[in-house]
PDB file of N, CA and C in Angstrom:
ATOM      1  N   UNK A   1     144.508 178.899  87.940  1.00  0.00           N
ATOM      2  CA  UNK A   1     145.057 179.637  88.526  1.00  0.00           C
ATOM      3  C   UNK A   1     145.117 181.321  87.721  1.00  0.00           C
ATOM      4  N   UNK A   2     144.777 182.463  88.386  1.00  0.00           N
ATOM      5  CA  UNK A   2     144.928 183.514  87.841  1.00  0.00           C
ATOM      6  C   UNK A   2     146.054 183.374  86.806  1.00  0.00           C
ATOM      7  N   UNK A   3     146.077 184.617  85.549  1.00  0.00           N
ATOM      8  CA  UNK A   3     146.980 184.929  84.898  1.00  0.00           C
ATOM      9  C   UNK A   3     147.678 186.027  85.844  1.00  0.00           C
ATOM     10  N   UNK A   4     147.159 186.986  86.254  1.00  0.00           N
ATOM     11  CA  UNK A   4     147.470 187.823  86.858  1.00  0.00           C
ATOM     12  C   UNK A   4     148.550 187.454  87.780  1.00  0.00           C
ATOM     13  N   UNK A   5     147.710 186.351  89.069  1.00  0.00           N
ATOM     14  CA  UNK A   5     148.795 185.913  90.198  1.00  0.00           C
ATOM     15  C   UNK A   5     149.975 185.719  89.442  1.00  0.00           C
ATOM     16  N   UNK A   6     149.847 185.028  88.743  1.00  0.00           N
ATOM     17  CA  UNK A   6     151.381 184.150  87.621  1.00  0.00           C
ATOM     18  C   UNK A   6     151.694 185.456  87.678  1.00  0.00           C
ATOM     19  N   UNK A   7     151.738 185.979  86.533  1.00  0.00           N
ATOM     20  CA  UNK A   7     152.730 187.477  86.511  1.00  0.00           C
ATOM     21  C   UNK A   7     153.215 187.868  87.757  1.00  0.00           C
ATOM     22  N   UNK A   8     152.441 187.960  88.950  1.00  0.00           N
ATOM     23  CA  UNK A   8     152.886 189.094  89.972  1.00  0.00           C
ATOM     24  C   UNK A   8     153.886 187.525  90.689  1.00  0.00           C
ATOM     25  N   UNK A   9     153.643 186.735  91.094  1.00  0.00           N
ATOM     26  CA  UNK A   9     154.445 185.490  90.896  1.00  0.00           C
ATOM     27  C   UNK A   9     155.965 185.741  90.538  1.00  0.00           C
ATOM     28  N   UNK A  10     155.714 185.513  89.302  1.00  0.00           N
ATOM     29  CA  UNK A  10     157.007 185.552  88.691  1.00  0.00           C
ATOM     30  C   UNK A  10     157.877 186.833  88.450  1.00  0.00           C
ATOM     31  N   UNK A  11     157.516 188.055  88.871  1.00  0.00           N
ATOM     32  CA  UNK A  11     157.945 189.363  88.958  1.00  0.00           C
ATOM     33  C   UNK A  11     159.017 189.451  90.251  1.00  0.00           C
ATOM     34  N   UNK A  12     157.915 189.291  91.333  1.00  0.00           N
ATOM     35  CA  UNK A  12     158.574 188.727  92.501  1.00  0.00           C
ATOM     36  C   UNK A  12     159.907 187.961  92.494  1.00  0.00           C
ATOM     37  N   UNK A  13     159.440 186.654  91.811  1.00  0.00           N
ATOM     38  CA  UNK A  13     160.658 185.658  91.580  1.00  0.00           C
ATOM     39  C   UNK A  13     161.791 186.546  91.230  1.00  0.00           C
ATOM     40  N   UNK A  14     161.743 186.874  90.639  1.00  0.00           N
ATOM     41  CA  UNK A  14     162.474 187.519  89.341  1.00  0.00           C
ATOM     42  C   UNK A  14     163.479 188.561  89.746  1.00  0.00           C
ATOM     43  N   UNK A  15     162.902 189.326  90.705  1.00  0.00           N
ATOM     44  CA  UNK A  15     163.289 190.352  91.704  1.00  0.00           C
ATOM     45  C   UNK A  15     163.867 189.377  92.485  1.00  0.00           C
ATOM     46  N   UNK A  16     163.563 188.858  93.572  1.00  0.00           N
ATOM     47  CA  UNK A  16     164.325 187.803  94.203  1.00  0.00           C
ATOM     48  C   UNK A  16     165.802 187.553  93.729  1.00  0.00           C
ATOM     49  N   UNK A  17     165.627 186.752  93.013  1.00  0.00           N
ATOM     50  CA  UNK A  17     166.918 185.732  92.352  1.00  0.00           C
ATOM     51  C   UNK A  17     167.743 187.363  92.106  1.00  0.00           C
ATOM     52  N   UNK A  18     167.012 188.148  91.256  1.00  0.00           N
ATOM     53  CA  UNK A  18     168.094 189.581  91.042  1.00  0.00           C
ATOM     54  C   UNK A  18     168.778 190.196  92.418  1.00  0.00           C
ATOM     55  N   UNK A  19     167.992 189.975  93.270  1.00  0.00           N
ATOM     56  CA  UNK A  19     168.896 190.437  94.590  1.00  0.00           C
ATOM     57  C   UNK A  19     169.693 189.432  95.437  1.00  0.00           C
ATOM     58  N   UNK A  20     169.677 188.222  95.101  1.00  0.00           N
ATOM     59  CA  UNK A  20     170.180 187.235  95.537  1.00  0.00           C
ATOM     60  C   UNK A  20     171.718 187.433  94.942  1.00  0.00           C
ATOM     61  N   UNK A  21     171.711 187.144  93.691  1.00  0.00           N
ATOM     62  CA  UNK A  21     172.748 187.306  92.763  1.00  0.00           C
ATOM     63  C   UNK A  21     173.645 188.598  93.031  1.00  0.00           C
ATOM     64  N   UNK A  22     173.030 189.756  93.047  1.00  0.00           N
ATOM     65  CA  UNK A  22     173.299 190.991  93.732  1.00  0.00           C
ATOM     66  C   UNK A  22     173.977 190.856  94.714  1.00  0.00           C
ATOM     67  N   UNK A  23     173.756 190.495  95.824  1.00  0.00           N
ATOM     68  CA  UNK A  23     174.181 190.402  97.016  1.00  0.00           C
ATOM     69  C   UNK A  23     175.236 189.208  97.127  1.00  0.00           C
ATOM     70  N   UNK A  24     175.553 188.413  96.664  1.00  0.00           N
ATOM     71  CA  UNK A  24     176.635 187.551  97.090  1.00  0.00           C
ATOM     72  C   UNK A  24     177.543 187.594  95.477  1.00  0.00           C
ATOM     73  N   UNK A  25     177.568 188.368  94.639  1.00  0.00           N
ATOM     74  CA  UNK A  25     178.364 188.531  93.569  1.00  0.00           C
ATOM     75  C   UNK A  25     179.302 189.536  94.248  1.00  0.00           C
ATOM     76  N   UNK A  26     179.155 190.366  94.774  1.00  0.00           N
ATOM     77  CA  UNK A  26     180.560 191.051  95.770  1.00  0.00           C
ATOM     78  C   UNK A  26     181.408 190.407  96.038  1.00  0.00           C
ATOM     79  N   UNK A  27     180.954 189.745  97.106  1.00  0.00           N
ATOM     80  CA  UNK A  27     182.134 188.960  97.709  1.00  0.00           C
ATOM     81  C   UNK A  27     182.619 187.810  97.017  1.00  0.00           C
ATOM     82  N   UNK A  28     182.416 187.129  95.903  1.00  0.00           N
ATOM     83  CA  UNK A  28     182.851 186.629  95.046  1.00  0.00           C
ATOM     84  C   UNK A  28     183.830 186.820  94.400  1.00  0.00           C
ATOM     85  N   UNK A  29     183.671 188.408  93.706  1.00  0.00           N
ATOM     86  CA  UNK A  29     184.626 189.211  92.872  1.00  0.00           C
ATOM     87  C   UNK A  29     185.548 189.357  93.985  1.00  0.00           C
ATOM     88  N   UNK A  30     185.455 189.784  94.946  1.00  0.00           N
ATOM     89  CA  UNK A  30     186.869 189.909  95.746  1.00  0.00           C
ATOM     90  C   UNK A  30     187.597 188.531  96.252  1.00  0.00           C
ATOM     91  N   UNK A  31     186.866 187.441  96.608  1.00  0.00           N
ATOM     92  CA  UNK A  31     187.777 186.525  97.252  1.00  0.00           C
ATOM     93  C   UNK A  31     188.608 186.213  95.698  1.00  0.00           C
ATOM     94  N   UNK A  32     187.792 186.357  94.362  1.00  0.00           N
ATOM     95  CA  UNK A  32     188.374 185.676  93.418  1.00  0.00           C
ATOM     96  C   UNK A  32     189.736 187.241  92.904  1.00  0.00           C
ATOM     97  N   UNK A  33     189.625 187.744  93.424  1.00  0.00           N
ATOM     98  CA  UNK A  33     190.617 189.083  93.008  1.00  0.00           C
ATOM     99  C   UNK A  33     192.090 188.465  94.193  1.00  0.00           C
ATOM    100  N   UNK A  34     191.681 188.158  95.234  1.00  0.00           N
ATOM    101  CA  UNK A  34     192.352 187.966  96.137  1.00  0.00           C
ATOM    102  C   UNK A  34     193.113 186.668  95.984  1.00  0.00           C
ATOM    103  N   UNK A  35     192.293 186.014  95.480  1.00  0.00           N
ATOM    104  CA  UNK A  35     193.474 184.671  94.506  1.00  0.00           C
ATOM    105  C   UNK A  35     194.091 184.860  93.690  1.00  0.00           C
ATOM    106  N   UNK A  36     193.633 185.588  92.837  1.00  0.00           N
ATOM    107  CA  UNK A  36     194.441 185.903  92.367  1.00  0.00           C
ATOM    108  C   UNK A  36     195.806 186.532  92.233  1.00  0.00           C
ATOM    109  N   UNK A  37     195.224 187.615  92.997  1.00  0.00           N
ATOM    110  CA  UNK A  37     196.724 188.336  93.966  1.00  0.00           C
ATOM    111  C   UNK A  37     197.249 187.150  94.616  1.00  0.00           C
ATOM    112  N   UNK A  38     197.454 186.552  95.114  1.00  0.00           N
ATOM    113  CA  UNK A  38     197.898 185.553  96.084  1.00  0.00           C
ATOM    114  C   UNK A  38     198.855 184.460  95.094  1.00  0.00           C
ATOM    115  N   UNK A  39     197.889 184.262  94.067  1.00  0.00           N
ATOM    116  CA  UNK A  39     199.318 183.476  92.849  1.00  0.00           C
ATOM    117  C   UNK A  39     200.008 184.223  92.291  1.00  0.00           C
ATOM    118  N   UNK A  40     199.437 185.590  91.925  1.00  0.00           N
ATOM    119  CA  UNK A  40     200.746 186.537  91.151  1.00  0.00           C
ATOM    120  C   UNK A  40     201.859 186.842  92.589  1.00  0.00           C
ATOM    121  N   UNK A  41     201.362 186.647  93.614  1.00  0.00           N
ATOM    122  CA  UNK A  41     202.429 186.529  94.575  1.00  0.00           C
ATOM    123  C   UNK A  41     203.490 185.407  94.798  1.00  0.00           C
ATOM    124  N   UNK A  42     202.892 184.608  94.584  1.00  0.00           N
ATOM    125  CA  UNK A  42     203.613 183.554  94.308  1.00  0.00           C
ATOM    126  C   UNK A  42     204.779 183.380  93.320  1.00  0.00           C
ATOM    127  N   UNK A  43     204.069 184.082  92.261  1.00  0.00           N
ATOM    128  CA  UNK A  43     204.899 183.681  90.702  1.00  0.00           C
ATOM    129  C   UNK A  43     205.978 185.108  91.197  1.00  0.00           C
ATOM    130  N   UNK A  44     205.688 186.234  92.092  1.00  0.00           N
ATOM    131  CA  UNK A  44     206.916 187.097  92.444  1.00  0.00           C
ATOM    132  C   UNK A  44     207.731 186.624  93.347  1.00  0.00           C
ATOM    133  N   UNK A  45     207.009 186.052  94.070  1.00  0.00           N
ATOM    134  CA  UNK A  45     207.954 185.557  95.258  1.00  0.00           C
ATOM    135  C   UNK A  45     209.460 184.126  94.976  1.00  0.00           C
ATOM    136  N   UNK A  46     208.734 183.258  93.922  1.00  0.00           N
ATOM    137  CA  UNK A  46     209.595 182.598  93.637  1.00  0.00           C
ATOM    138  C   UNK A  46     210.933 183.407  92.238  1.00  0.00           C
ATOM    139  N   UNK A  47     210.280 184.349  91.858  1.00  0.00           N
ATOM    140  CA  UNK A  47     210.912 184.857  90.674  1.00  0.00           C
ATOM    141  C   UNK A  47     211.973 186.341  91.953  1.00  0.00           C
ATOM    142  N   UNK A  48     211.443 186.337  92.953  1.00  0.00           N
ATOM    143  CA  UNK A  48     212.466 187.203  93.865  1.00  0.00           C
ATOM    144  C   UNK A  48     213.265 186.094  94.466  1.00  0.00           C
ATOM    145  N   UNK A  49     213.176 184.887  94.727  1.00  0.00           N
ATOM    146  CA  UNK A  49     213.675 183.873  95.518  1.00  0.00           C
ATOM    147  C   UNK A  49     215.545 183.360  94.403  1.00  0.00           C
ATOM    148  N   UNK A  50     214.424 183.079  93.049  1.00  0.00           N
ATOM    149  CA  UNK A  50     215.763 182.897  92.235  1.00  0.00           C
ATOM    150  C   UNK A  50     217.104 183.998  92.068  1.00  0.00           C
ATOM    151  N   UNK A  51     216.443 185.043  91.826  1.00  0.00           N
ATOM    152  CA  UNK A  51     217.087 186.283  91.423  1.00  0.00           C
ATOM    153  C   UNK A  51     218.012 186.892  93.222  1.00  0.00           C
ATOM    154  N   UNK A  52     217.174 186.309  93.913  1.00  0.00           N
ATOM    155  CA  UNK A  52     217.799 186.687  95.231  1.00  0.00           C
ATOM    156  C   UNK A  52     219.181 186.026  95.779  1.00  0.00           C
ATOM    157  N   UNK A  53     218.499 184.727  95.333  1.00  0.00           N
ATOM    158  CA  UNK A  53     219.548 183.538  95.855  1.00  0.00           C
ATOM    159  C   UNK A  53     221.147 183.688  95.406  1.00  0.00           C
ATOM    160  N   UNK A  54     221.157 184.659  94.225  1.00  0.00           N
ATOM    161  CA  UNK A  54     222.967 185.325  93.610  1.00  0.00           C
ATOM    162  C   UNK A  54     223.458 186.249  94.851  1.00  0.00           C
ATOM    163  N   UNK A  55     222.704 186.549  95.386  1.00  0.00           N
ATOM    164  CA  UNK A  55     223.385 188.015  96.327  1.00  0.00           C
ATOM    165  C   UNK A  55     222.637 187.455  97.778  1.00  0.00           C
ATOM    166  N   UNK A  56     222.237 185.611  98.126  1.00  0.00           N
ATOM    167  CA  UNK A  56     222.251 185.858  99.631  1.00  0.00           C
ATOM    168  C   UNK A  56     220.704 186.090  99.735  1.00  0.00           C
ATOM    169  N   UNK A  57     219.607 186.577  99.023  1.00  0.00           N
ATOM    170  CA  UNK A  57     218.608 186.863 100.032  1.00  0.00           C
ATOM    171  C   UNK A  57     217.417 185.707  99.201  1.00  0.00           C
ATOM    172  N   UNK A  58     216.616 185.677 100.460  1.00  0.00           N
ATOM    173  CA  UNK A  58     215.452 185.038 100.392  1.00  0.00           C
ATOM    174  C   UNK A  58     214.200 185.244 101.186  1.00  0.00           C
ATOM    175  N   UNK A  59     213.402 184.840 100.795  1.00  0.00           N
ATOM    176  CA  UNK A  59     211.986 184.939 101.487  1.00  0.00           C
ATOM    177  C   UNK A  59     210.887 183.398 101.446  1.00  0.00           C
ATOM    178  N   UNK A  60     210.611 182.868 102.221  1.00  0.00           N
ATOM    179  CA  UNK A  60     209.947 181.749 102.390  1.00  0.00           C
ATOM    180  C   UNK A  60     208.586 182.085 101.669  1.00  0.00           C
ATOM    181  N   UNK A  61     208.610 180.771 100.992  1.00  0.00           N
ATOM    182  CA  UNK A  61     207.217 181.218 100.049  1.00  0.00           C
ATOM    183  C   UNK A  61     206.126 180.134 100.751  1.00  0.00           C
ATOM    184  N   UNK A  62     204.799 180.646 101.357  1.00  0.00           N
ATOM    185  CA  UNK A  62     203.482 180.126 101.473  1.00  0.00           C
ATOM    186  C   UNK A  62     202.302 181.014 101.148  1.00  0.00           C
ATOM    187  N   UNK A  63     201.180 180.382 102.055  1.00  0.00           N
ATOM    188  CA  UNK A  63     200.157 181.389 101.313  1.00  0.00           C
ATOM    189  C   UNK A  63     200.102 182.909 102.134  1.00  0.00           C
ATOM    190  N   UNK A  64     200.623 183.035 103.456  1.00  0.00           N
ATOM    191  CA  UNK A  64     200.457 183.926 104.020  1.00  0.00           C
ATOM    192  C   UNK A  64     201.633 185.452 103.665  1.00  0.00           C
ATOM    193  N   UNK A  65     203.012 184.426 103.112  1.00  0.00           N
ATOM    194  CA  UNK A  65     203.765 185.541 102.351  1.00  0.00           C
ATOM    195  C   UNK A  65     203.307 186.012 100.326  1.00  0.00           C
ATOM    196  N   UNK A  66     202.525 184.912 100.374  1.00  0.00           N
ATOM    197  CA  UNK A  66     201.933 185.326  98.671  1.00  0.00           C
ATOM    198  C   UNK A  66     200.838 186.285  98.692  1.00  0.00           C
ATOM    199  N   UNK A  67     200.311 186.156  99.879  1.00  0.00           N
ATOM    200  CA  UNK A  67     198.708 187.165 100.119  1.00  0.00           C
ATOM    201  C   UNK A  67     199.125 188.467  99.884  1.00  0.00           C
ATOM    202  N   UNK A  68     200.945 188.596 101.092  1.00  0.00           N
ATOM    203  CA  UNK A  68     201.163 189.740 101.540  1.00  0.00           C
ATOM    204  C   UNK A  68     202.119 190.697  99.942  1.00  0.00           C
ATOM    205  N   UNK A  69     202.532 189.662  99.654  1.00  0.00           N
ATOM    206  CA  UNK A  69     203.322 190.270  97.992  1.00  0.00           C
ATOM    207  C   UNK A  69     201.668 190.544  97.028  1.00  0.00           C
ATOM    208  N   UNK A  70     201.418 189.848  97.239  1.00  0.00           N
ATOM    209  CA  UNK A  70     200.626 189.776  96.308  1.00  0.00           C
ATOM    210  C   UNK A  70     199.208 191.063  96.322  1.00  0.00           C
ATOM    211  N   UNK A  71     198.918 191.539  97.836  1.00  0.00           N
ATOM    212  CA  UNK A  71     198.370 192.556  97.910  1.00  0.00           C
ATOM    213  C   UNK A  71     199.258 193.586  97.963  1.00  0.00           C
ATOM    214  N   UNK A  72     200.076 193.412  98.419  1.00  0.00           N
ATOM    215  CA  UNK A  72     201.096 194.940  98.549  1.00  0.00           C
ATOM    216  C   UNK A  72     202.098 195.163  97.875  1.00  0.00           C
ATOM    217  N   UNK A  73     202.168 194.088  96.906  1.00  0.00           N
ATOM    218  CA  UNK A  73     203.048 194.702  95.807  1.00  0.00           C
ATOM    219  C   UNK A  73     204.428 194.686  96.148  1.00  0.00           C
ATOM    220  N   UNK A  74     205.452 195.405  95.768  1.00  0.00           N
ATOM    221  CA  UNK A  74     206.780 195.822  95.587  1.00  0.00           C
ATOM    222  C   UNK A  74     206.962 195.940  97.376  1.00  0.00           C
ATOM    223  N   UNK A  75     206.205 197.146  97.856  1.00  0.00           N
ATOM    224  CA  UNK A  75     206.407 197.458  99.281  1.00  0.00           C
ATOM    225  C   UNK A  75     205.985 196.063 100.274  1.00  0.00           C
ATOM    226  N   UNK A  76     205.047 194.998 100.010  1.00  0.00           N
ATOM    227  CA  UNK A  76     204.940 193.769 100.358  1.00  0.00           C
ATOM    228  C   UNK A  76     205.817 192.956 100.900  1.00  0.00           C
ATOM    229  N   UNK A  77     206.539 192.808  99.730  1.00  0.00           N
ATOM    230  CA  UNK A  77     207.964 192.059  99.461  1.00  0.00           C
ATOM    231  C   UNK A  77     208.993 192.719  99.762  1.00  0.00           C
ATOM    232  N   UNK A  78     209.470 194.281 100.140  1.00  0.00           N
ATOM    233  CA  UNK A  78     210.040 194.794 100.519  1.00  0.00           C
ATOM    234  C   UNK A  78     210.059 194.213 102.256  1.00  0.00           C
ATOM    235  N   UNK A  79     208.434 194.048 102.805  1.00  0.00           N
ATOM    236  CA  UNK A  79     208.513 194.140 104.382  1.00  0.00           C
ATOM    237  C   UNK A  79     208.420 192.823 104.945  1.00  0.00           C
ATOM    238  N   UNK A  80     208.482 191.870 104.042  1.00  0.00           N
ATOM    239  CA  UNK A  80     208.792 190.388 104.206  1.00  0.00           C
ATOM    240  C   UNK A  80     210.035 190.052 104.227  1.00  0.00           C
ATOM    241  N   UNK A  81     210.852 190.737 103.289  1.00  0.00           N
ATOM    242  CA  UNK A  81     212.064 190.287 103.751  1.00  0.00           C
ATOM    243  C   UNK A  81     213.022 191.239 104.933  1.00  0.00           C
ATOM    244  N   UNK A  82     212.598 192.247 104.813  1.00  0.00           N
ATOM    245  CA  UNK A  82     212.796 192.789 106.290  1.00  0.00           C
ATOM    246  C   UNK A  82     212.425 192.046 107.529  1.00  0.00           C
ATOM    247  N   UNK A  83     211.018 191.465 107.599  1.00  0.00           N
ATOM    248  CA  UNK A  83     210.953 190.837 108.571  1.00  0.00           C
ATOM    249  C   UNK A  83     211.280 189.512 108.690  1.00  0.00           C
ATOM    250  N   UNK A  84     211.637 188.920 107.535  1.00  0.00           N
ATOM    251  CA  UNK A  84     212.639 187.888 108.065  1.00  0.00           C
ATOM    252  C   UNK A  84     213.542 187.762 108.230  1.00  0.00           C
ATOM    253  N   UNK A  85     214.412 188.474 107.556  1.00  0.00           N
ATOM    254  CA  UNK A  85     216.193 188.472 107.745  1.00  0.00           C
ATOM    255  C   UNK A  85     216.263 190.013 108.991  1.00  0.00           C
ATOM    256  N   UNK A  86     215.489 190.557 109.492  1.00  0.00           N
ATOM    257  CA  UNK A  86     216.048 191.657 110.350  1.00  0.00           C
ATOM    258  C   UNK A  86     215.384 191.065 111.645  1.00  0.00           C
ATOM    259  N   UNK A  87     214.002 190.622 111.828  1.00  0.00           N
ATOM    260  CA  UNK A  87     213.421 190.709 112.899  1.00  0.00           C
ATOM    261  C   UNK A  87     213.408 188.842 113.416  1.00  0.00           C
ATOM    262  N   UNK A  88     213.368 187.813 112.405  1.00  0.00           N
ATOM    263  CA  UNK A  88     213.373 186.661 113.072  1.00  0.00           C
ATOM    264  C   UNK A  88     214.498 185.767 112.838  1.00  0.00           C
TER     265      UNK A  88
END
């Protein structure tokens, strides 16, 4: 095999590998950030339920409520509180 052809194949293979990594890196980063926000949402919901238990407020802790609390933050917790206590 000619060394020039081998060099061209290595360069093309390296570029294709770089392209595949670049394409899949962004969705993985978003998924990791969503998972991290959901875990933080769980923590915030547990703290809210502990402190809200003293005045009679609570929110159901689940994956959907954790994602809403994690992504939206304090407005998400207020939204969950309003939906659960006034509309359900």
